PDB file of N, CA and C in Angstrom:
ATOM      1  N   UNK A   1      58.917  52.511-209.435  1.00  0.00           N
ATOM      2  CA  UNK A   1      57.705  52.766-209.033  1.00  0.00           C
ATOM      3  C   UNK A   1      56.861  53.572-210.090  1.00  0.00           C
ATOM      4  N   UNK A   2      55.476  53.128-210.385  1.00  0.00           N
ATOM      5  CA  UNK A   2      54.859  53.557-211.184  1.00  0.00           C
ATOM      6  C   UNK A   2      53.277  54.183-210.640  1.00  0.00           C
ATOM      7  N   UNK A   3      53.068  55.052-211.121  1.00  0.00           N
ATOM      8  CA  UNK A   3      51.519  55.455-210.715  1.00  0.00           C
ATOM      9  C   UNK A   3      50.426  55.418-211.985  1.00  0.00           C
ATOM     10  N   UNK A   4      49.726  54.786-212.151  1.00  0.00           N
ATOM     11  CA  UNK A   4      48.585  54.432-213.455  1.00  0.00           C
ATOM     12  C   UNK A   4      47.191  55.585-212.917  1.00  0.00           C
ATOM     13  N   UNK A   5      47.283  56.121-214.012  1.00  0.00           N
ATOM     14  CA  UNK A   5      45.982  57.212-214.002  1.00  0.00           C
ATOM     15  C   UNK A   5      44.751  56.371-214.219  1.00  0.00           C
ATOM     16  N   UNK A   6      43.279  56.986-213.718  1.00  0.00           N
ATOM     17  CA  UNK A   6      42.390  56.304-214.399  1.00  0.00           C
ATOM     18  C   UNK A   6      42.611  56.363-215.840  1.00  0.00           C
ATOM     19  N   UNK A   7      41.659  55.589-216.624  1.00  0.00           N
ATOM     20  CA  UNK A   7      41.584  55.498-218.040  1.00  0.00           C
ATOM     21  C   UNK A   7      41.021  56.641-218.404  1.00  0.00           C
ATOM     22  N   UNK A   8      41.668  57.200-219.673  1.00  0.00           N
ATOM     23  CA  UNK A   8      41.107  58.373-220.463  1.00  0.00           C
ATOM     24  C   UNK A   8      40.738  57.835-221.812  1.00  0.00           C
ATOM     25  N   UNK A   9      39.639  57.712-222.116  1.00  0.00           N
ATOM     26  CA  UNK A   9      39.088  57.249-223.425  1.00  0.00           C
ATOM     27  C   UNK A   9      39.902  55.827-223.580  1.00  0.00           C
ATOM     28  N   UNK A  10      40.701  55.465-224.581  1.00  0.00           N
ATOM     29  CA  UNK A  10      41.210  54.319-224.781  1.00  0.00           C
ATOM     30  C   UNK A  10      42.485  54.091-224.141  1.00  0.00           C
ATOM     31  N   UNK A  11      43.202  55.270-223.665  1.00  0.00           N
ATOM     32  CA  UNK A  11      44.224  55.596-222.964  1.00  0.00           C
ATOM     33  C   UNK A  11      44.455  55.069-221.304  1.00  0.00           C
ATOM     34  N   UNK A  12      45.280  54.613-221.041  1.00  0.00           N
ATOM     35  CA  UNK A  12      45.792  54.214-219.576  1.00  0.00           C
ATOM     36  C   UNK A  12      47.168  54.645-219.203  1.00  0.00           C
ATOM     37  N   UNK A  13      47.153  56.011-219.135  1.00  0.00           N
ATOM     38  CA  UNK A  13      48.405  56.695-218.785  1.00  0.00           C
ATOM     39  C   UNK A  13      49.131  56.502-217.344  1.00  0.00           C
ATOM     40  N   UNK A  14      50.323  56.595-217.283  1.00  0.00           N
ATOM     41  CA  UNK A  14      51.308  56.605-216.323  1.00  0.00           C
ATOM     42  C   UNK A  14      52.522  57.294-216.258  1.00  0.00           C
ATOM     43  N   UNK A  15      52.950  57.360-215.004  1.00  0.00           N
ATOM     44  CA  UNK A  15      54.227  57.871-214.750  1.00  0.00           C
ATOM     45  C   UNK A  15      54.999  56.960-213.682  1.00  0.00           C
ATOM     46  N   UNK A  16      56.355  57.356-213.756  1.00  0.00           N
ATOM     47  CA  UNK A  16      57.003  56.654-212.817  1.00  0.00           C
ATOM     48  C   UNK A  16      58.654  57.089-212.757  1.00  0.00           C
ATOM     49  N   UNK A  17      59.086  56.727-211.426  1.00  0.00           N
ATOM     50  CA  UNK A  17      60.379  57.186-211.299  1.00  0.00           C
ATOM     51  C   UNK A  17      61.143  55.988-210.263  1.00  0.00           C
ATOM     52  N   UNK A  18      62.431  56.002-210.421  1.00  0.00           N
ATOM     53  CA  UNK A  18      62.935  55.027-209.782  1.00  0.00           C
ATOM     54  C   UNK A  18      64.724  54.859-209.939  1.00  0.00           C
ATOM     55  N   UNK A  19      65.243  53.748-209.302  1.00  0.00           N
ATOM     56  CA  UNK A  19      66.864  53.608-209.609  1.00  0.00           C
ATOM     57  C   UNK A  19      67.003  53.042-210.932  1.00  0.00           C
ATOM     58  N   UNK A  20      68.081  53.165-211.409  1.00  0.00           N
ATOM     59  CA  UNK A  20      68.570  52.470-212.706  1.00  0.00           C
ATOM     60  C   UNK A  20      69.874  52.207-212.276  1.00  0.00           C
ATOM     61  N   UNK A  21      70.368  51.119-212.844  1.00  0.00           N
ATOM     62  CA  UNK A  21      71.669  50.431-212.798  1.00  0.00           C
ATOM     63  C   UNK A  21      72.503  50.381-214.320  1.00  0.00           C
ATOM     64  N   UNK A  22      73.184  50.731-214.918  1.00  0.00           N
ATOM     65  CA  UNK A  22      73.703  50.479-216.240  1.00  0.00           C
ATOM     66  C   UNK A  22      75.016  49.890-216.296  1.00  0.00           C
ATOM     67  N   UNK A  23      75.045  49.130-217.053  1.00  0.00           N
ATOM     68  CA  UNK A  23      75.986  48.129-217.061  1.00  0.00           C
ATOM     69  C   UNK A  23      76.552  48.457-218.571  1.00  0.00           C
ATOM     70  N   UNK A  24      78.007  48.842-218.889  1.00  0.00           N
ATOM     71  CA  UNK A  24      78.361  49.303-220.068  1.00  0.00           C
ATOM     72  C   UNK A  24      79.270  48.127-220.656  1.00  0.00           C
ATOM     73  N   UNK A  25      78.861  47.691-221.982  1.00  0.00           N
ATOM     74  CA  UNK A  25      79.515  46.387-222.495  1.00  0.00           C
ATOM     75  C   UNK A  25      80.018  46.643-223.951  1.00  0.00           C
ATOM     76  N   UNK A  26      80.578  45.835-224.609  1.00  0.00           N
ATOM     77  CA  UNK A  26      80.968  46.144-226.063  1.00  0.00           C
ATOM     78  C   UNK A  26      81.858  47.367-226.135  1.00  0.00           C
ATOM     79  N   UNK A  27      82.814  47.510-225.197  1.00  0.00           N
ATOM     80  CA  UNK A  27      83.671  48.752-225.199  1.00  0.00           C
ATOM     81  C   UNK A  27      84.689  48.522-226.211  1.00  0.00           C
ATOM     82  N   UNK A  28      84.723  49.719-226.987  1.00  0.00           N
ATOM     83  CA  UNK A  28      85.324  49.848-228.292  1.00  0.00           C
ATOM     84  C   UNK A  28      86.794  49.996-228.103  1.00  0.00           C
ATOM     85  N   UNK A  29      87.394  49.617-229.063  1.00  0.00           N
ATOM     86  CA  UNK A  29      89.358  49.471-229.146  1.00  0.00           C
ATOM     87  C   UNK A  29      89.383  50.455-230.194  1.00  0.00           C
ATOM     88  N   UNK A  30      90.303  51.487-229.983  1.00  0.00           N
ATOM     89  CA  UNK A  30      90.677  52.481-230.823  1.00  0.00           C
ATOM     90  C   UNK A  30      92.052  53.007-230.817  1.00  0.00           C
ATOM     91  N   UNK A  31      92.717  54.058-231.538  1.00  0.00           N
ATOM     92  CA  UNK A  31      94.016  54.395-231.327  1.00  0.00           C
ATOM     93  C   UNK A  31      94.559  54.309-229.879  1.00  0.00           C
ATOM     94  N   UNK A  32      93.642  54.975-228.924  1.00  0.00           N
ATOM     95  CA  UNK A  32      94.083  55.199-227.585  1.00  0.00           C
ATOM     96  C   UNK A  32      93.818  53.964-226.723  1.00  0.00           C
ATOM     97  N   UNK A  33      93.566  52.624-227.256  1.00  0.00           N
ATOM     98  CA  UNK A  33      93.444  51.243-226.574  1.00  0.00           C
ATOM     99  C   UNK A  33      91.837  51.130-226.419  1.00  0.00           C
ATOM    100  N   UNK A  34      91.755  50.609-225.260  1.00  0.00           N
ATOM    101  CA  UNK A  34      90.420  49.915-224.916  1.00  0.00           C
ATOM    102  C   UNK A  34      89.598  51.081-224.113  1.00  0.00           C
ATOM    103  N   UNK A  35      88.472  51.568-224.648  1.00  0.00           N
ATOM    104  CA  UNK A  35      87.536  52.246-223.513  1.00  0.00           C
ATOM    105  C   UNK A  35      87.120  51.718-222.443  1.00  0.00           C
ATOM    106  N   UNK A  36      87.390  52.449-221.097  1.00  0.00           N
ATOM    107  CA  UNK A  36      86.999  51.738-219.934  1.00  0.00           C
ATOM    108  C   UNK A  36      85.635  52.666-219.535  1.00  0.00           C
ATOM    109  N   UNK A  37      84.747  52.178-218.971  1.00  0.00           N
ATOM    110  CA  UNK A  37      83.884  52.862-218.351  1.00  0.00           C
ATOM    111  C   UNK A  37      83.477  52.087-216.870  1.00  0.00           C
ATOM    112  N   UNK A  38      82.878  52.869-215.867  1.00  0.00           N
ATOM    113  CA  UNK A  38      82.438  52.363-214.884  1.00  0.00           C
ATOM    114  C   UNK A  38      81.026  52.168-214.742  1.00  0.00           C
ATOM    115  N   UNK A  39      80.654  50.914-214.338  1.00  0.00           N
ATOM    116  CA  UNK A  39      79.116  50.575-214.425  1.00  0.00           C
ATOM    117  C   UNK A  39      78.552  51.509-213.061  1.00  0.00           C
ATOM    118  N   UNK A  40      77.384  51.938-213.075  1.00  0.00           N
ATOM    119  CA  UNK A  40      76.951  52.745-212.070  1.00  0.00           C
ATOM    120  C   UNK A  40      75.606  52.989-212.086  1.00  0.00           C
ATOM    121  N   UNK A  41      74.867  53.374-210.904  1.00  0.00           N
ATOM    122  CA  UNK A  41      73.682  53.498-210.334  1.00  0.00           C
ATOM    123  C   UNK A  41      73.136  54.916-211.056  1.00  0.00           C
ATOM    124  N   UNK A  42      72.035  55.115-211.377  1.00  0.00           N
ATOM    125  CA  UNK A  42      71.561  56.344-211.869  1.00  0.00           C
ATOM    126  C   UNK A  42      69.874  56.590-211.263  1.00  0.00           C
ATOM    127  N   UNK A  43      69.355  57.541-211.853  1.00  0.00           N
ATOM    128  CA  UNK A  43      67.809  57.622-211.728  1.00  0.00           C
ATOM    129  C   UNK A  43      67.127  57.779-212.958  1.00  0.00           C
ATOM    130  N   UNK A  44      65.995  57.182-213.208  1.00  0.00           N
ATOM    131  CA  UNK A  44      64.923  57.283-214.085  1.00  0.00           C
ATOM    132  C   UNK A  44      63.837  57.771-213.839  1.00  0.00           C
ATOM    133  N   UNK A  45      63.184  58.549-214.946  1.00  0.00           N
ATOM    134  CA  UNK A  45      61.834  59.139-214.694  1.00  0.00           C
ATOM    135  C   UNK A  45      61.129  58.522-216.037  1.00  0.00           C
ATOM    136  N   UNK A  46      59.693  58.499-216.173  1.00  0.00           N
ATOM    137  CA  UNK A  46      58.991  57.574-217.099  1.00  0.00           C
ATOM    138  C   UNK A  46      57.707  58.030-217.334  1.00  0.00           C
ATOM    139  N   UNK A  47      57.279  58.244-218.446  1.00  0.00           N
ATOM    140  CA  UNK A  47      55.970  58.545-218.854  1.00  0.00           C
ATOM    141  C   UNK A  47      55.372  57.511-219.829  1.00  0.00           C
ATOM    142  N   UNK A  48      54.371  56.923-219.777  1.00  0.00           N
ATOM    143  CA  UNK A  48      53.803  56.176-220.657  1.00  0.00           C
ATOM    144  C   UNK A  48      52.266  56.004-220.768  1.00  0.00           C
ATOM    145  N   UNK A  49      51.693  55.154-221.652  1.00  0.00           N
ATOM    146  CA  UNK A  49      50.515  54.739-221.763  1.00  0.00           C
ATOM    147  C   UNK A  49      50.189  53.387-222.094  1.00  0.00           C
ATOM    148  N   UNK A  50      49.080  52.452-221.831  1.00  0.00           N
ATOM    149  CA  UNK A  50      48.665  51.526-222.272  1.00  0.00           C
ATOM    150  C   UNK A  50      47.399  51.858-222.874  1.00  0.00           C
ATOM    151  N   UNK A  51      47.422  51.087-224.192  1.00  0.00           N
ATOM    152  CA  UNK A  51      46.147  51.211-225.236  1.00  0.00           C
ATOM    153  C   UNK A  51      45.835  49.580-225.527  1.00  0.00           C
ATOM    154  N   UNK A  52      44.469  49.498-225.033  1.00  0.00           N
ATOM    155  CA  UNK A  52      43.863  48.077-225.202  1.00  0.00           C
ATOM    156  C   UNK A  52      43.816  47.734-226.768  1.00  0.00           C
ATOM    157  N   UNK A  53      44.093  46.265-226.820  1.00  0.00           N
ATOM    158  CA  UNK A  53      44.016  45.712-228.188  1.00  0.00           C
ATOM    159  C   UNK A  53      42.873  44.934-228.359  1.00  0.00           C
ATOM    160  N   UNK A  54      42.241  44.492-227.395  1.00  0.00           N
ATOM    161  CA  UNK A  54      41.069  43.602-227.409  1.00  0.00           C
ATOM    162  C   UNK A  54      39.979  44.262-226.537  1.00  0.00           C
ATOM    163  N   UNK A  55      38.739  43.673-226.639  1.00  0.00           N
ATOM    164  CA  UNK A  55      37.585  44.407-226.220  1.00  0.00           C
ATOM    165  C   UNK A  55      37.942  44.139-224.432  1.00  0.00           C
ATOM    166  N   UNK A  56      38.221  43.124-224.053  1.00  0.00           N
ATOM    167  CA  UNK A  56      38.581  42.926-222.474  1.00  0.00           C
ATOM    168  C   UNK A  56      39.726  43.831-222.112  1.00  0.00           C
ATOM    169  N   UNK A  57      40.587  44.167-222.778  1.00  0.00           N
ATOM    170  CA  UNK A  57      41.614  44.661-222.325  1.00  0.00           C
ATOM    171  C   UNK A  57      42.861  43.965-221.866  1.00  0.00           C
ATOM    172  N   UNK A  58      42.810  42.701-222.148  1.00  0.00           N
ATOM    173  CA  UNK A  58      43.615  41.627-221.718  1.00  0.00           C
ATOM    174  C   UNK A  58      44.980  41.946-222.507  1.00  0.00           C
ATOM    175  N   UNK A  59      44.821  42.219-223.798  1.00  0.00           N
ATOM    176  CA  UNK A  59      45.901  42.527-224.663  1.00  0.00           C
ATOM    177  C   UNK A  59      46.286  44.041-224.914  1.00  0.00           C
ATOM    178  N   UNK A  60      47.419  44.515-224.908  1.00  0.00           N
ATOM    179  CA  UNK A  60      47.358  45.990-224.862  1.00  0.00           C
ATOM    180  C   UNK A  60      48.611  46.320-225.524  1.00  0.00           C
ATOM    181  N   UNK A  61      48.658  47.579-226.112  1.00  0.00           N
ATOM    182  CA  UNK A  61      49.956  48.198-226.834  1.00  0.00           C
ATOM    183  C   UNK A  61      50.603  49.170-225.630  1.00  0.00           C
ATOM    184  N   UNK A  62      51.655  49.264-225.415  1.00  0.00           N
ATOM    185  CA  UNK A  62      52.308  49.933-224.463  1.00  0.00           C
ATOM    186  C   UNK A  62      53.256  51.082-225.248  1.00  0.00           C
ATOM    187  N   UNK A  63      53.284  52.024-224.791  1.00  0.00           N
ATOM    188  CA  UNK A  63      54.207  53.257-225.369  1.00  0.00           C
ATOM    189  C   UNK A  63      54.815  53.935-224.322  1.00  0.00           C
ATOM    190  N   UNK A  64      56.036  54.110-224.012  1.00  0.00           N
ATOM    191  CA  UNK A  64      56.620  54.974-223.043  1.00  0.00           C
ATOM    192  C   UNK A  64      57.915  55.754-223.296  1.00  0.00           C
ATOM    193  N   UNK A  65      58.280  56.842-222.632  1.00  0.00           N
ATOM    194  CA  UNK A  65      59.343  57.431-222.858  1.00  0.00           C
ATOM    195  C   UNK A  65      59.880  57.527-221.512  1.00  0.00           C
ATOM    196  N   UNK A  66      61.349  57.289-221.630  1.00  0.00           N
ATOM    197  CA  UNK A  66      62.080  57.412-219.985  1.00  0.00           C
ATOM    198  C   UNK A  66      63.437  58.396-220.485  1.00  0.00           C
ATOM    199  N   UNK A  67      63.645  58.680-219.086  1.00  0.00           N
ATOM    200  CA  UNK A  67      64.871  59.592-219.111  1.00  0.00           C
ATOM    201  C   UNK A  67      65.652  59.079-218.082  1.00  0.00           C
ATOM    202  N   UNK A  68      66.919  58.923-218.535  1.00  0.00           N
ATOM    203  CA  UNK A  68      67.756  58.434-217.347  1.00  0.00           C
ATOM    204  C   UNK A  68      68.899  59.477-217.158  1.00  0.00           C
ATOM    205  N   UNK A  69      69.215  59.551-215.868  1.00  0.00           N
ATOM    206  CA  UNK A  69      70.271  60.468-215.450  1.00  0.00           C
ATOM    207  C   UNK A  69      71.463  59.671-214.757  1.00  0.00           C
ATOM    208  N   UNK A  70      72.572  59.640-215.502  1.00  0.00           N
ATOM    209  CA  UNK A  70      73.686  58.579-215.228  1.00  0.00           C
ATOM    210  C   UNK A  70      74.953  59.561-215.333  1.00  0.00           C
ATOM    211  N   UNK A  71      75.889  59.110-214.694  1.00  0.00           N
ATOM    212  CA  UNK A  71      77.095  59.445-214.622  1.00  0.00           C
ATOM    213  C   UNK A  71      78.171  58.357-214.512  1.00  0.00           C
ATOM    214  N   UNK A  72      79.363  58.538-215.278  1.00  0.00           N
ATOM    215  CA  UNK A  72      80.401  57.402-215.383  1.00  0.00           C
ATOM    216  C   UNK A  72      81.696  57.962-215.317  1.00  0.00           C
ATOM    217  N   UNK A  73      82.538  57.164-215.153  1.00  0.00           N
ATOM    218  CA  UNK A  73      84.062  57.473-215.355  1.00  0.00           C
ATOM    219  C   UNK A  73      84.641  56.893-216.353  1.00  0.00           C
ATOM    220  N   UNK A  74      85.100  57.595-217.279  1.00  0.00           N
ATOM    221  CA  UNK A  74      85.818  56.839-218.518  1.00  0.00           C
ATOM    222  C   UNK A  74      87.247  57.239-218.685  1.00  0.00           C
ATOM    223  N   UNK A  75      88.053  56.204-219.438  1.00  0.00           N
ATOM    224  CA  UNK A  75      89.390  56.480-219.766  1.00  0.00           C
ATOM    225  C   UNK A  75      89.767  55.355-220.797  1.00  0.00           C
ATOM    226  N   UNK A  76      90.898  55.728-221.452  1.00  0.00           N
ATOM    227  CA  UNK A  76      91.424  54.488-222.266  1.00  0.00           C
ATOM    228  C   UNK A  76      92.872  54.310-221.805  1.00  0.00           C
ATOM    229  N   UNK A  77      92.913  52.659-221.971  1.00  0.00           N
ATOM    230  CA  UNK A  77      93.962  51.890-221.590  1.00  0.00           C
ATOM    231  C   UNK A  77      95.134  52.452-221.786  1.00  0.00           C
ATOM    232  N   UNK A  78      95.372  53.214-223.001  1.00  0.00           N
ATOM    233  CA  UNK A  78      96.873  53.753-223.277  1.00  0.00           C
ATOM    234  C   UNK A  78      96.763  55.352-222.699  1.00  0.00           C
ATOM    235  N   UNK A  79      96.017  55.655-221.860  1.00  0.00           N
ATOM    236  CA  UNK A  79      96.246  57.132-221.642  1.00  0.00           C
ATOM    237  C   UNK A  79      95.905  57.344-220.043  1.00  0.00           C
ATOM    238  N   UNK A  80      96.696  57.928-219.311  1.00  0.00           N
ATOM    239  CA  UNK A  80      96.466  58.234-217.934  1.00  0.00           C
ATOM    240  C   UNK A  80      95.286  59.101-217.221  1.00  0.00           C
ATOM    241  N   UNK A  81      94.682  59.758-218.367  1.00  0.00           N
ATOM    242  CA  UNK A  81      93.578  60.720-218.197  1.00  0.00           C
ATOM    243  C   UNK A  81      92.204  59.847-218.156  1.00  0.00           C
ATOM    244  N   UNK A  82      91.493  60.328-217.078  1.00  0.00           N
ATOM    245  CA  UNK A  82      89.927  59.877-216.718  1.00  0.00           C
ATOM    246  C   UNK A  82      89.141  61.023-216.615  1.00  0.00           C
ATOM    247  N   UNK A  83      88.052  60.635-217.369  1.00  0.00           N
ATOM    248  CA  UNK A  83      87.191  61.780-217.522  1.00  0.00           C
ATOM    249  C   UNK A  83      85.598  61.502-216.654  1.00  0.00           C
ATOM    250  N   UNK A  84      85.076  62.451-216.024  1.00  0.00           N
ATOM    251  CA  UNK A  84      83.835  62.364-215.733  1.00  0.00           C
ATOM    252  C   UNK A  84      82.817  62.553-216.655  1.00  0.00           C
ATOM    253  N   UNK A  85      81.801  61.775-217.098  1.00  0.00           N
ATOM    254  CA  UNK A  85      80.951  61.967-218.057  1.00  0.00           C
ATOM    255  C   UNK A  85      79.498  61.794-217.611  1.00  0.00           C
ATOM    256  N   UNK A  86      78.779  62.642-217.773  1.00  0.00           N
ATOM    257  CA  UNK A  86      77.345  62.757-217.669  1.00  0.00           C
ATOM    258  C   UNK A  86      76.476  62.056-218.935  1.00  0.00           C
ATOM    259  N   UNK A  87      75.944  61.110-218.743  1.00  0.00           N
ATOM    260  CA  UNK A  87      75.006  60.459-219.884  1.00  0.00           C
ATOM    261  C   UNK A  87      73.551  60.542-219.499  1.00  0.00           C
ATOM    262  N   UNK A  88      72.505  61.142-220.279  1.00  0.00           N
ATOM    263  CA  UNK A  88      71.536  61.577-219.805  1.00  0.00           C
ATOM    264  C   UNK A  88      70.463  60.936-221.025  1.00  0.00           C
ATOM    265  N   UNK A  89      70.458  59.821-221.394  1.00  0.00           N
ATOM    266  CA  UNK A  89      69.731  59.563-222.485  1.00  0.00           C
ATOM    267  C   UNK A  89      68.038  59.738-222.287  1.00  0.00           C
ATOM    268  N   UNK A  90      67.548  59.928-223.561  1.00  0.00           N
ATOM    269  CA  UNK A  90      66.127  59.710-223.797  1.00  0.00           C
ATOM    270  C   UNK A  90      65.809  58.256-224.323  1.00  0.00           C
ATOM    271  N   UNK A  91      65.055  57.493-223.811  1.00  0.00           N
ATOM    272  CA  UNK A  91      64.947  56.101-224.236  1.00  0.00           C
ATOM    273  C   UNK A  91      63.195  56.115-224.444  1.00  0.00           C
ATOM    274  N   UNK A  92      62.763  55.528-225.871  1.00  0.00           N
ATOM    275  CA  UNK A  92      61.435  55.437-226.283  1.00  0.00           C
ATOM    276  C   UNK A  92      61.289  54.194-226.646  1.00  0.00           C
ATOM    277  N   UNK A  93      60.276  53.697-225.919  1.00  0.00           N
ATOM    278  CA  UNK A  93      59.893  52.090-226.307  1.00  0.00           C
ATOM    279  C   UNK A  93      58.339  51.951-226.534  1.00  0.00           C
ATOM    280  N   UNK A  94      58.113  50.562-226.933  1.00  0.00           N
ATOM    281  CA  UNK A  94      56.951  50.022-227.529  1.00  0.00           C
ATOM    282  C   UNK A  94      56.734  48.671-227.143  1.00  0.00           C
ATOM    283  N   UNK A  95      55.751  48.035-226.970  1.00  0.00           N
ATOM    284  CA  UNK A  95      55.661  46.691-226.855  1.00  0.00           C
ATOM    285  C   UNK A  95      54.305  46.252-226.608  1.00  0.00           C
ATOM    286  N   UNK A  96      53.960  45.101-226.597  1.00  0.00           N
ATOM    287  CA  UNK A  96      52.589  44.365-226.664  1.00  0.00           C
ATOM    288  C   UNK A  96      52.750  43.764-225.133  1.00  0.00           C
ATOM    289  N   UNK A  97      51.499  44.060-224.222  1.00  0.00           N
ATOM    290  CA  UNK A  97      51.325  43.096-223.148  1.00  0.00           C
ATOM    291  C   UNK A  97      50.135  42.580-223.225  1.00  0.00           C
ATOM    292  N   UNK A  98      50.279  41.516-222.073  1.00  0.00           N
ATOM    293  CA  UNK A  98      48.918  40.796-221.670  1.00  0.00           C
ATOM    294  C   UNK A  98      48.795  40.866-220.159  1.00  0.00           C
ATOM    295  N   UNK A  99      47.532  41.290-219.745  1.00  0.00           N
ATOM    296  CA  UNK A  99      47.031  41.217-218.526  1.00  0.00           C
ATOM    297  C   UNK A  99      46.483  39.787-218.131  1.00  0.00           C
ATOM    298  N   UNK A 100      46.871  38.857-216.866  1.00  0.00           N
ATOM    299  CA  UNK A 100      46.163  37.928-216.588  1.00  0.00           C
ATOM    300  C   UNK A 100      45.741  37.896-215.342  1.00  0.00           C
TER     301      UNK A 100
END
């Protein structure tokens, strides 16, 4: 869910929050075997802004920062040990959008 604030100069800021589902793939193989992780639900927070690129605002530049709160269980195929791992990355994104 996102809440867009009123435009401030050329910026149209927003905040957001909601669920996140992470799928782990390309698991590496090392001396302890294949790394196994569990796909899991987490929570995400977001803040960003849209900046118009055209006079009418139909094209815009988007910049945002997200913080994910996620945990998973990890183990190696050659080991009986399982660990609970908290993964809380910051994601920084940019893109070009169009309103129609």
